[in-house]
């Protein structure tokens, strides 16, 4: 989801105070959509514990080889934003392993798919990325051993993560949607898990294995995206963001 409108509600403190005077008033726990915007995502990731001077989210401008070659290597994750109506096939045979960090986008996580894609990208590469102590590592420890559904519920109930999500959902250029409205878009993340290309989609029952990585994660994930997501030439509403070393600064 692309980011949405600003909430017209009170601050969390003000809403809680109102709730104490009326049993019918509820504190909103909605997770509005975050913009597909590397600047916003990097601020969020930094608060989660990522050192963005070493790895950062960056735009991928297209699927042509010359555009992919502009992205710094190694790419740790490729995040795709696409129309939610686009459905891709998968089979039980693509369920290869369960020893990964995966969570479901449960009902209470609303439009949290952007944050879920970020969490999947970071949580399955903690050591490679050098993710420091912070809310993400705390959540990983507290949800250890949970099923994907229970882990999704735990994320929805995590006050620190939801607070960060709501903070960054209000940043960027896109107007935040009104409560009850949804973006019509969805995020998934493509990762290298033990030398295999996996697609992490919180709306699917398990991570989807697309087979052995015979080369570069970015290029092989791009191939899957071309074949399975962009095979309808009339649908053009896609964007991609890579988690990779930041480009060198100009002298």
C-alpha atoms as a PDB file:
ATOM      1  CA  UNK A   1       0.000   0.000   0.000  1.00  0.00           C
ATOM      2  CA  UNK A   2       1.088   3.401  -0.989  1.00  0.00           C
ATOM      3  CA  UNK A   3       0.481   5.680   1.911  1.00  0.00           C
ATOM      4  CA  UNK A   4      -2.703   7.311   2.865  1.00  0.00           C
ATOM      5  CA  UNK A   5      -4.372  10.223   4.501  1.00  0.00           C
ATOM      6  CA  UNK A   6      -3.657  11.799   7.828  1.00  0.00           C
ATOM      7  CA  UNK A   7      -5.813  10.708  10.711  1.00  0.00           C
ATOM      8  CA  UNK A   8      -8.206  13.286  12.040  1.00  0.00           C
ATOM      9  CA  UNK A   9      -8.310  11.570  15.417  1.00  0.00           C
ATOM     10  CA  UNK A  10      -6.786  12.839  18.639  1.00  0.00           C
ATOM     11  CA  UNK A  11      -3.376  11.920  19.935  1.00  0.00           C
ATOM     12  CA  UNK A  12      -3.138   8.537  21.576  1.00  0.00           C
ATOM     13  CA  UNK A  13      -3.016  10.217  24.974  1.00  0.00           C
ATOM     14  CA  UNK A  14      -6.098  12.302  24.237  1.00  0.00           C
ATOM     15  CA  UNK A  15      -8.013   9.324  22.893  1.00  0.00           C
ATOM     16  CA  UNK A  16      -7.157   7.241  25.930  1.00  0.00           C
ATOM     17  CA  UNK A  17      -8.365   9.978  28.210  1.00  0.00           C
ATOM     18  CA  UNK A  18     -11.632  10.130  26.293  1.00  0.00           C
ATOM     19  CA  UNK A  19     -12.011   6.385  26.568  1.00  0.00           C
ATOM     20  CA  UNK A  20     -11.850   6.620  30.341  1.00  0.00           C
ATOM     21  CA  UNK A  21     -15.000   8.749  30.347  1.00  0.00           C
ATOM     22  CA  UNK A  22     -17.021   6.598  27.938  1.00  0.00           C
ATOM     23  CA  UNK A  23     -17.156   2.838  27.727  1.00  0.00           C
ATOM     24  CA  UNK A  24     -18.199   3.072  24.064  1.00  0.00           C
ATOM     25  CA  UNK A  25     -15.097   4.995  22.920  1.00  0.00           C
ATOM     26  CA  UNK A  26     -12.354   2.809  21.445  1.00  0.00           C
ATOM     27  CA  UNK A  27      -8.681   3.557  20.932  1.00  0.00           C
ATOM     28  CA  UNK A  28      -7.869   3.062  17.249  1.00  0.00           C
ATOM     29  CA  UNK A  29      -5.294   0.341  16.657  1.00  0.00           C
ATOM     30  CA  UNK A  30      -5.489   0.668  12.884  1.00  0.00           C
ATOM     31  CA  UNK A  31      -2.275   0.263  10.893  1.00  0.00           C
ATOM     32  CA  UNK A  32      -2.532   2.736   7.975  1.00  0.00           C
ATOM     33  CA  UNK A  33      -0.455   2.195   4.863  1.00  0.00           C
ATOM     34  CA  UNK A  34       3.135   3.381   4.615  1.00  0.00           C
ATOM     35  CA  UNK A  35       4.293   5.077   1.436  1.00  0.00           C
ATOM     36  CA  UNK A  36       6.512   3.203  -0.982  1.00  0.00           C
ATOM     37  CA  UNK A  37       9.232   5.751  -0.317  1.00  0.00           C
ATOM     38  CA  UNK A  38      12.856   4.873   0.527  1.00  0.00           C
ATOM     39  CA  UNK A  39      13.324   8.003   2.627  1.00  0.00           C
ATOM     40  CA  UNK A  40      10.372   7.133   4.868  1.00  0.00           C
ATOM     41  CA  UNK A  41      11.307   3.452   5.023  1.00  0.00           C
ATOM     42  CA  UNK A  42      14.914   4.240   5.965  1.00  0.00           C
ATOM     43  CA  UNK A  43      13.822   6.440   8.872  1.00  0.00           C
ATOM     44  CA  UNK A  44      11.558   3.624  10.071  1.00  0.00           C
ATOM     45  CA  UNK A  45      14.273   0.981   9.601  1.00  0.00           C
ATOM     46  CA  UNK A  46      16.779   3.103  11.525  1.00  0.00           C
ATOM     47  CA  UNK A  47      14.405   3.216  14.487  1.00  0.00           C
ATOM     48  CA  UNK A  48      14.072  -0.563  14.223  1.00  0.00           C
ATOM     49  CA  UNK A  49      17.859  -0.912  14.587  1.00  0.00           C
ATOM     50  CA  UNK A  50      19.263  -0.801  11.044  1.00  0.00           C
ATOM     51  CA  UNK A  51      22.475   1.128  10.422  1.00  0.00           C
ATOM     52  CA  UNK A  52      21.397   2.871   7.218  1.00  0.00           C
ATOM     53  CA  UNK A  53      24.929   4.015   6.467  1.00  0.00           C
ATOM     54  CA  UNK A  54      25.712   0.376   5.584  1.00  0.00           C
ATOM     55  CA  UNK A  55      22.427  -0.844   4.100  1.00  0.00           C
ATOM     56  CA  UNK A  56      19.437   1.233   3.079  1.00  0.00           C
ATOM     57  CA  UNK A  57      16.261   1.071   1.024  1.00  0.00           C
ATOM     58  CA  UNK A  58      16.600   2.509  -2.461  1.00  0.00           C
ATOM     59  CA  UNK A  59      14.384   2.842  -5.527  1.00  0.00           C
ATOM     60  CA  UNK A  60      14.657   0.337  -8.356  1.00  0.00           C
ATOM     61  CA  UNK A  61      13.554   2.172 -11.469  1.00  0.00           C
ATOM     62  CA  UNK A  62      12.677  -0.755 -13.685  1.00  0.00           C
ATOM     63  CA  UNK A  63      13.274  -4.371 -14.663  1.00  0.00           C
ATOM     64  CA  UNK A  64      15.584  -3.795 -17.623  1.00  0.00           C
ATOM     65  CA  UNK A  65      19.118  -5.023 -17.012  1.00  0.00           C
ATOM     66  CA  UNK A  66      20.656  -1.559 -17.336  1.00  0.00           C
ATOM     67  CA  UNK A  67      18.307  -0.225 -14.639  1.00  0.00           C
ATOM     68  CA  UNK A  68      18.956  -3.180 -12.336  1.00  0.00           C
ATOM     69  CA  UNK A  69      22.691  -2.669 -12.759  1.00  0.00           C
ATOM     70  CA  UNK A  70      22.335   0.798 -11.242  1.00  0.00           C
ATOM     71  CA  UNK A  71      21.543  -0.752  -7.836  1.00  0.00           C
ATOM     72  CA  UNK A  72      24.471  -1.275  -5.466  1.00  0.00           C
ATOM     73  CA  UNK A  73      25.335  -4.873  -4.569  1.00  0.00           C
ATOM     74  CA  UNK A  74      24.775  -7.049  -2.665  1.00  0.00           C
ATOM     75  CA  UNK A  75      20.992  -6.694  -2.631  1.00  0.00           C
ATOM     76  CA  UNK A  76      19.564  -8.226   0.551  1.00  0.00           C
ATOM     77  CA  UNK A  77      15.883  -7.843  -0.287  1.00  0.00           C
ATOM     78  CA  UNK A  78      13.715  -6.692  -3.174  1.00  0.00           C
ATOM     79  CA  UNK A  79      10.340  -5.298  -2.108  1.00  0.00           C
ATOM     80  CA  UNK A  80       7.555  -5.114  -4.669  1.00  0.00           C
ATOM     81  CA  UNK A  81       4.441  -2.939  -4.486  1.00  0.00           C
ATOM     82  CA  UNK A  82       1.637  -4.039  -6.800  1.00  0.00           C
ATOM     83  CA  UNK A  83      -2.153  -3.817  -7.199  1.00  0.00           C
ATOM     84  CA  UNK A  84      -3.842  -5.961  -4.578  1.00  0.00           C
ATOM     85  CA  UNK A  85      -6.143  -7.451  -7.199  1.00  0.00           C
ATOM     86  CA  UNK A  86      -3.148  -9.188  -8.804  1.00  0.00           C
ATOM     87  CA  UNK A  87      -3.052 -12.794  -7.589  1.00  0.00           C
ATOM     88  CA  UNK A  88      -0.133 -15.119  -8.223  1.00  0.00           C
ATOM     89  CA  UNK A  89      -0.246 -18.924  -8.117  1.00  0.00           C
ATOM     90  CA  UNK A  90       1.591 -21.081  -5.608  1.00  0.00           C
ATOM     91  CA  UNK A  91       1.533 -24.729  -4.597  1.00  0.00           C
ATOM     92  CA  UNK A  92       2.210 -26.786  -1.494  1.00  0.00           C
ATOM     93  CA  UNK A  93       5.406 -27.961  -3.203  1.00  0.00           C
ATOM     94  CA  UNK A  94       6.787 -24.420  -2.772  1.00  0.00           C
ATOM     95  CA  UNK A  95       6.599 -24.746   1.012  1.00  0.00           C
ATOM     96  CA  UNK A  96      10.202 -25.751   1.604  1.00  0.00           C
ATOM     97  CA  UNK A  97      11.144 -24.654   5.118  1.00  0.00           C
ATOM     98  CA  UNK A  98       9.656 -23.219   8.263  1.00  0.00           C
ATOM     99  CA  UNK A  99      12.826 -22.158  10.099  1.00  0.00           C
ATOM    100  CA  UNK A 100      12.442 -18.555   8.951  1.00  0.00           C
ATOM    101  CA  UNK A 101      10.886 -15.483  10.513  1.00  0.00           C
ATOM    102  CA  UNK A 102       7.456 -15.178   8.920  1.00  0.00           C
ATOM    103  CA  UNK A 103       4.187 -13.621  10.038  1.00  0.00           C
ATOM    104  CA  UNK A 104       0.687 -13.356   8.656  1.00  0.00           C
ATOM    105  CA  UNK A 105      -1.001 -10.063   7.888  1.00  0.00           C
ATOM    106  CA  UNK A 106      -3.867 -10.700  10.289  1.00  0.00           C
ATOM    107  CA  UNK A 107      -7.043  -8.627  10.253  1.00  0.00           C
ATOM    108  CA  UNK A 108      -5.806  -6.211  12.922  1.00  0.00           C
ATOM    109  CA  UNK A 109      -2.762  -5.348  10.813  1.00  0.00           C
ATOM    110  CA  UNK A 110      -4.976  -3.641   8.222  1.00  0.00           C
ATOM    111  CA  UNK A 111      -2.693  -1.970   5.660  1.00  0.00           C
ATOM    112  CA  UNK A 112       0.558  -2.915   7.411  1.00  0.00           C
ATOM    113  CA  UNK A 113       1.976  -4.858   4.459  1.00  0.00           C
ATOM    114  CA  UNK A 114       4.767  -2.325   3.919  1.00  0.00           C
ATOM    115  CA  UNK A 115       5.959  -2.671   7.503  1.00  0.00           C
ATOM    116  CA  UNK A 116       5.581  -6.453   7.283  1.00  0.00           C
ATOM    117  CA  UNK A 117       7.777  -6.545   4.164  1.00  0.00           C
ATOM    118  CA  UNK A 118      10.384  -4.491   6.019  1.00  0.00           C
ATOM    119  CA  UNK A 119      10.212  -6.747   9.079  1.00  0.00           C
ATOM    120  CA  UNK A 120      10.581  -9.869   6.915  1.00  0.00           C
ATOM    121  CA  UNK A 121      13.568  -8.313   5.140  1.00  0.00           C
ATOM    122  CA  UNK A 122      15.370  -7.271   8.320  1.00  0.00           C
ATOM    123  CA  UNK A 123      14.433 -10.147  10.620  1.00  0.00           C
ATOM    124  CA  UNK A 124      15.731 -12.819   8.235  1.00  0.00           C
ATOM    125  CA  UNK A 125      19.064 -10.987   7.795  1.00  0.00           C
ATOM    126  CA  UNK A 126      19.844  -9.705  11.282  1.00  0.00           C
ATOM    127  CA  UNK A 127      23.520 -10.599  11.280  1.00  0.00           C
ATOM    128  CA  UNK A 128      24.202  -9.737   7.637  1.00  0.00           C
ATOM    129  CA  UNK A 129      22.653  -6.312   8.140  1.00  0.00           C
ATOM    130  CA  UNK A 130      24.082  -5.832  11.626  1.00  0.00           C
ATOM    131  CA  UNK A 131      20.668  -4.913  13.037  1.00  0.00           C
ATOM    132  CA  UNK A 132      21.232  -3.479  16.495  1.00  0.00           C
ATOM    133  CA  UNK A 133      19.317  -3.920  19.714  1.00  0.00           C
ATOM    134  CA  UNK A 134      15.922  -2.272  19.520  1.00  0.00           C
ATOM    135  CA  UNK A 135      12.213  -2.839  18.910  1.00  0.00           C
ATOM    136  CA  UNK A 136      12.707  -5.380  16.124  1.00  0.00           C
ATOM    137  CA  UNK A 137      15.069  -7.666  18.014  1.00  0.00           C
ATOM    138  CA  UNK A 138      12.802  -7.388  21.057  1.00  0.00           C
ATOM    139  CA  UNK A 139       9.801  -8.422  18.965  1.00  0.00           C
ATOM    140  CA  UNK A 140      11.701 -11.336  17.424  1.00  0.00           C
ATOM    141  CA  UNK A 141      12.600 -12.634  20.891  1.00  0.00           C
ATOM    142  CA  UNK A 142       9.105 -12.171  22.286  1.00  0.00           C
ATOM    143  CA  UNK A 143       7.490 -13.951  19.324  1.00  0.00           C
ATOM    144  CA  UNK A 144       9.978 -16.832  19.110  1.00  0.00           C
ATOM    145  CA  UNK A 145       8.230 -20.169  18.603  1.00  0.00           C
ATOM    146  CA  UNK A 146       4.906 -18.624  17.585  1.00  0.00           C
ATOM    147  CA  UNK A 147       2.924 -19.656  14.545  1.00  0.00           C
ATOM    148  CA  UNK A 148       2.792 -17.078  11.724  1.00  0.00           C
ATOM    149  CA  UNK A 149      -0.756 -16.179  12.720  1.00  0.00           C
ATOM    150  CA  UNK A 150       0.091 -15.723  16.375  1.00  0.00           C
ATOM    151  CA  UNK A 151       3.157 -13.694  15.411  1.00  0.00           C
ATOM    152  CA  UNK A 152       0.945 -11.456  13.284  1.00  0.00           C
ATOM    153  CA  UNK A 153      -1.382 -10.931  16.249  1.00  0.00           C
ATOM    154  CA  UNK A 154       1.628 -10.193  18.445  1.00  0.00           C
ATOM    155  CA  UNK A 155       2.851  -7.548  15.997  1.00  0.00           C
ATOM    156  CA  UNK A 156      -0.610  -5.985  15.887  1.00  0.00           C
ATOM    157  CA  UNK A 157      -0.590  -5.759  19.686  1.00  0.00           C
ATOM    158  CA  UNK A 158       2.995  -4.465  19.981  1.00  0.00           C
ATOM    159  CA  UNK A 159       2.627  -0.862  21.138  1.00  0.00           C
ATOM    160  CA  UNK A 160       6.165   0.140  20.148  1.00  0.00           C
ATOM    161  CA  UNK A 161       5.951  -1.229  16.612  1.00  0.00           C
ATOM    162  CA  UNK A 162       2.461   0.129  16.042  1.00  0.00           C
ATOM    163  CA  UNK A 163       3.536   3.534  17.334  1.00  0.00           C
ATOM    164  CA  UNK A 164       6.493   3.648  14.954  1.00  0.00           C
ATOM    165  CA  UNK A 165       4.335   2.457  12.080  1.00  0.00           C
ATOM    166  CA  UNK A 166       1.721   5.147  12.656  1.00  0.00           C
ATOM    167  CA  UNK A 167       4.426   7.796  12.988  1.00  0.00           C
ATOM    168  CA  UNK A 168       5.939   6.954   9.613  1.00  0.00           C
ATOM    169  CA  UNK A 169       2.597   6.339   7.909  1.00  0.00           C
ATOM    170  CA  UNK A 170       2.040  10.084   8.270  1.00  0.00           C
ATOM    171  CA  UNK A 171       5.199  10.913   6.315  1.00  0.00           C
ATOM    172  CA  UNK A 172       5.773  11.096   2.581  1.00  0.00           C
ATOM    173  CA  UNK A 173       3.870  12.710  -0.246  1.00  0.00           C
ATOM    174  CA  UNK A 174       0.708  10.614  -0.463  1.00  0.00           C
ATOM    175  CA  UNK A 175      -2.393  11.547   1.489  1.00  0.00           C
ATOM    176  CA  UNK A 176      -3.355   9.059   4.165  1.00  0.00           C
ATOM    177  CA  UNK A 177      -6.618   7.229   3.591  1.00  0.00           C
ATOM    178  CA  UNK A 178      -9.631   7.652   5.805  1.00  0.00           C
ATOM    179  CA  UNK A 179     -10.260   4.903   8.337  1.00  0.00           C
ATOM    180  CA  UNK A 180     -12.077   2.019   6.701  1.00  0.00           C
ATOM    181  CA  UNK A 181     -10.502   2.730   3.293  1.00  0.00           C
ATOM    182  CA  UNK A 182      -7.639   0.672   1.895  1.00  0.00           C
ATOM    183  CA  UNK A 183      -4.916   1.481  -0.572  1.00  0.00           C
ATOM    184  CA  UNK A 184      -5.628  -1.196  -3.150  1.00  0.00           C
ATOM    185  CA  UNK A 185      -1.923  -2.110  -3.173  1.00  0.00           C
ATOM    186  CA  UNK A 186       0.183  -4.746  -1.464  1.00  0.00           C
ATOM    187  CA  UNK A 187       3.871  -5.251  -0.582  1.00  0.00           C
ATOM    188  CA  UNK A 188       5.855  -8.503  -0.762  1.00  0.00           C
ATOM    189  CA  UNK A 189       9.568  -9.119  -0.187  1.00  0.00           C
ATOM    190  CA  UNK A 190      11.954 -11.391  -2.101  1.00  0.00           C
ATOM    191  CA  UNK A 191      14.843 -12.779  -0.027  1.00  0.00           C
ATOM    192  CA  UNK A 192      17.757 -15.190  -0.267  1.00  0.00           C
ATOM    193  CA  UNK A 193      17.143 -17.954   2.268  1.00  0.00           C
ATOM    194  CA  UNK A 194      19.919 -20.542   2.271  1.00  0.00           C
ATOM    195  CA  UNK A 195      20.651 -20.040  -1.405  1.00  0.00           C
ATOM    196  CA  UNK A 196      17.003 -20.229  -2.496  1.00  0.00           C
ATOM    197  CA  UNK A 197      14.812 -17.363  -3.694  1.00  0.00           C
ATOM    198  CA  UNK A 198      11.846 -16.908  -1.365  1.00  0.00           C
ATOM    199  CA  UNK A 199       8.828 -14.645  -1.614  1.00  0.00           C
ATOM    200  CA  UNK A 200       7.528 -13.413   1.748  1.00  0.00           C
ATOM    201  CA  UNK A 201       3.876 -12.371   1.524  1.00  0.00           C
ATOM    202  CA  UNK A 202       1.948 -12.047   4.778  1.00  0.00           C
ATOM    203  CA  UNK A 203      -1.298 -12.783   2.924  1.00  0.00           C
ATOM    204  CA  UNK A 204      -0.053 -16.237   1.887  1.00  0.00           C
ATOM    205  CA  UNK A 205       0.123 -19.196   4.276  1.00  0.00           C
ATOM    206  CA  UNK A 206       3.909 -19.646   4.094  1.00  0.00           C
ATOM    207  CA  UNK A 207       6.978 -18.226   2.323  1.00  0.00           C
ATOM    208  CA  UNK A 208       6.996 -19.268  -1.331  1.00  0.00           C
ATOM    209  CA  UNK A 209      10.175 -20.900  -2.671  1.00  0.00           C
ATOM    210  CA  UNK A 210      10.958 -20.004  -6.280  1.00  0.00           C
ATOM    211  CA  UNK A 211      13.944 -22.329  -6.517  1.00  0.00           C
ATOM    212  CA  UNK A 212      17.706 -22.149  -6.326  1.00  0.00           C
ATOM    213  CA  UNK A 213      19.446 -18.835  -6.769  1.00  0.00           C
ATOM    214  CA  UNK A 214      21.908 -19.384  -9.575  1.00  0.00           C
ATOM    215  CA  UNK A 215      23.149 -15.835  -9.591  1.00  0.00           C
ATOM    216  CA  UNK A 216      22.089 -12.435  -8.382  1.00  0.00           C
ATOM    217  CA  UNK A 217      19.073 -12.044  -6.056  1.00  0.00           C
ATOM    218  CA  UNK A 218      18.004  -8.786  -7.698  1.00  0.00           C
ATOM    219  CA  UNK A 219      18.066 -10.150 -11.228  1.00  0.00           C
ATOM    220  CA  UNK A 220      16.397 -13.455 -10.360  1.00  0.00           C
ATOM    221  CA  UNK A 221      13.674 -11.795  -8.298  1.00  0.00           C
ATOM    222  CA  UNK A 222      13.125  -9.412 -11.208  1.00  0.00           C
ATOM    223  CA  UNK A 223      12.630 -12.419 -13.484  1.00  0.00           C
ATOM    224  CA  UNK A 224       9.907 -13.814 -11.187  1.00  0.00           C
ATOM    225  CA  UNK A 225       8.253 -10.394 -11.038  1.00  0.00           C
ATOM    226  CA  UNK A 226       8.256 -10.087 -14.828  1.00  0.00           C
ATOM    227  CA  UNK A 227       6.792 -13.564 -15.296  1.00  0.00           C
ATOM    228  CA  UNK A 228       4.241 -13.654 -12.486  1.00  0.00           C
ATOM    229  CA  UNK A 229       3.333 -10.072 -11.626  1.00  0.00           C
ATOM    230  CA  UNK A 230       3.883  -8.042 -14.785  1.00  0.00           C
ATOM    231  CA  UNK A 231       2.467 -10.449 -17.332  1.00  0.00           C
ATOM    232  CA  UNK A 232      -0.546  -8.196 -17.961  1.00  0.00           C
ATOM    233  CA  UNK A 233       0.611  -5.226 -20.091  1.00  0.00           C
ATOM    234  CA  UNK A 234      -2.477  -3.219 -19.116  1.00  0.00           C
ATOM    235  CA  UNK A 235      -1.484  -3.146 -15.435  1.00  0.00           C
ATOM    236  CA  UNK A 236       1.371  -0.718 -14.880  1.00  0.00           C
ATOM    237  CA  UNK A 237       0.950   0.318 -11.244  1.00  0.00           C
ATOM    238  CA  UNK A 238       4.053  -1.292  -9.756  1.00  0.00           C
ATOM    239  CA  UNK A 239       7.101  -0.055  -7.867  1.00  0.00           C
ATOM    240  CA  UNK A 240      10.183  -1.722  -6.400  1.00  0.00           C
ATOM    241  CA  UNK A 241      12.571  -0.923  -3.588  1.00  0.00           C
ATOM    242  CA  UNK A 242      15.822  -2.767  -2.853  1.00  0.00           C
ATOM    243  CA  UNK A 243      17.603  -3.131   0.468  1.00  0.00           C
ATOM    244  CA  UNK A 244      21.235  -2.687  -0.507  1.00  0.00           C
ATOM    245  CA  UNK A 245      24.366  -0.681   0.294  1.00  0.00           C
ATOM    246  CA  UNK A 246      23.695   3.009  -0.250  1.00  0.00           C
ATOM    247  CA  UNK A 247      25.287   4.551  -3.340  1.00  0.00           C
ATOM    248  CA  UNK A 248      28.638   6.231  -2.760  1.00  0.00           C
ATOM    249  CA  UNK A 249      28.422   9.918  -1.989  1.00  0.00           C
ATOM    250  CA  UNK A 250      29.664  12.318  -4.623  1.00  0.00           C
ATOM    251  CA  UNK A 251      32.902  14.066  -3.795  1.00  0.00           C
END
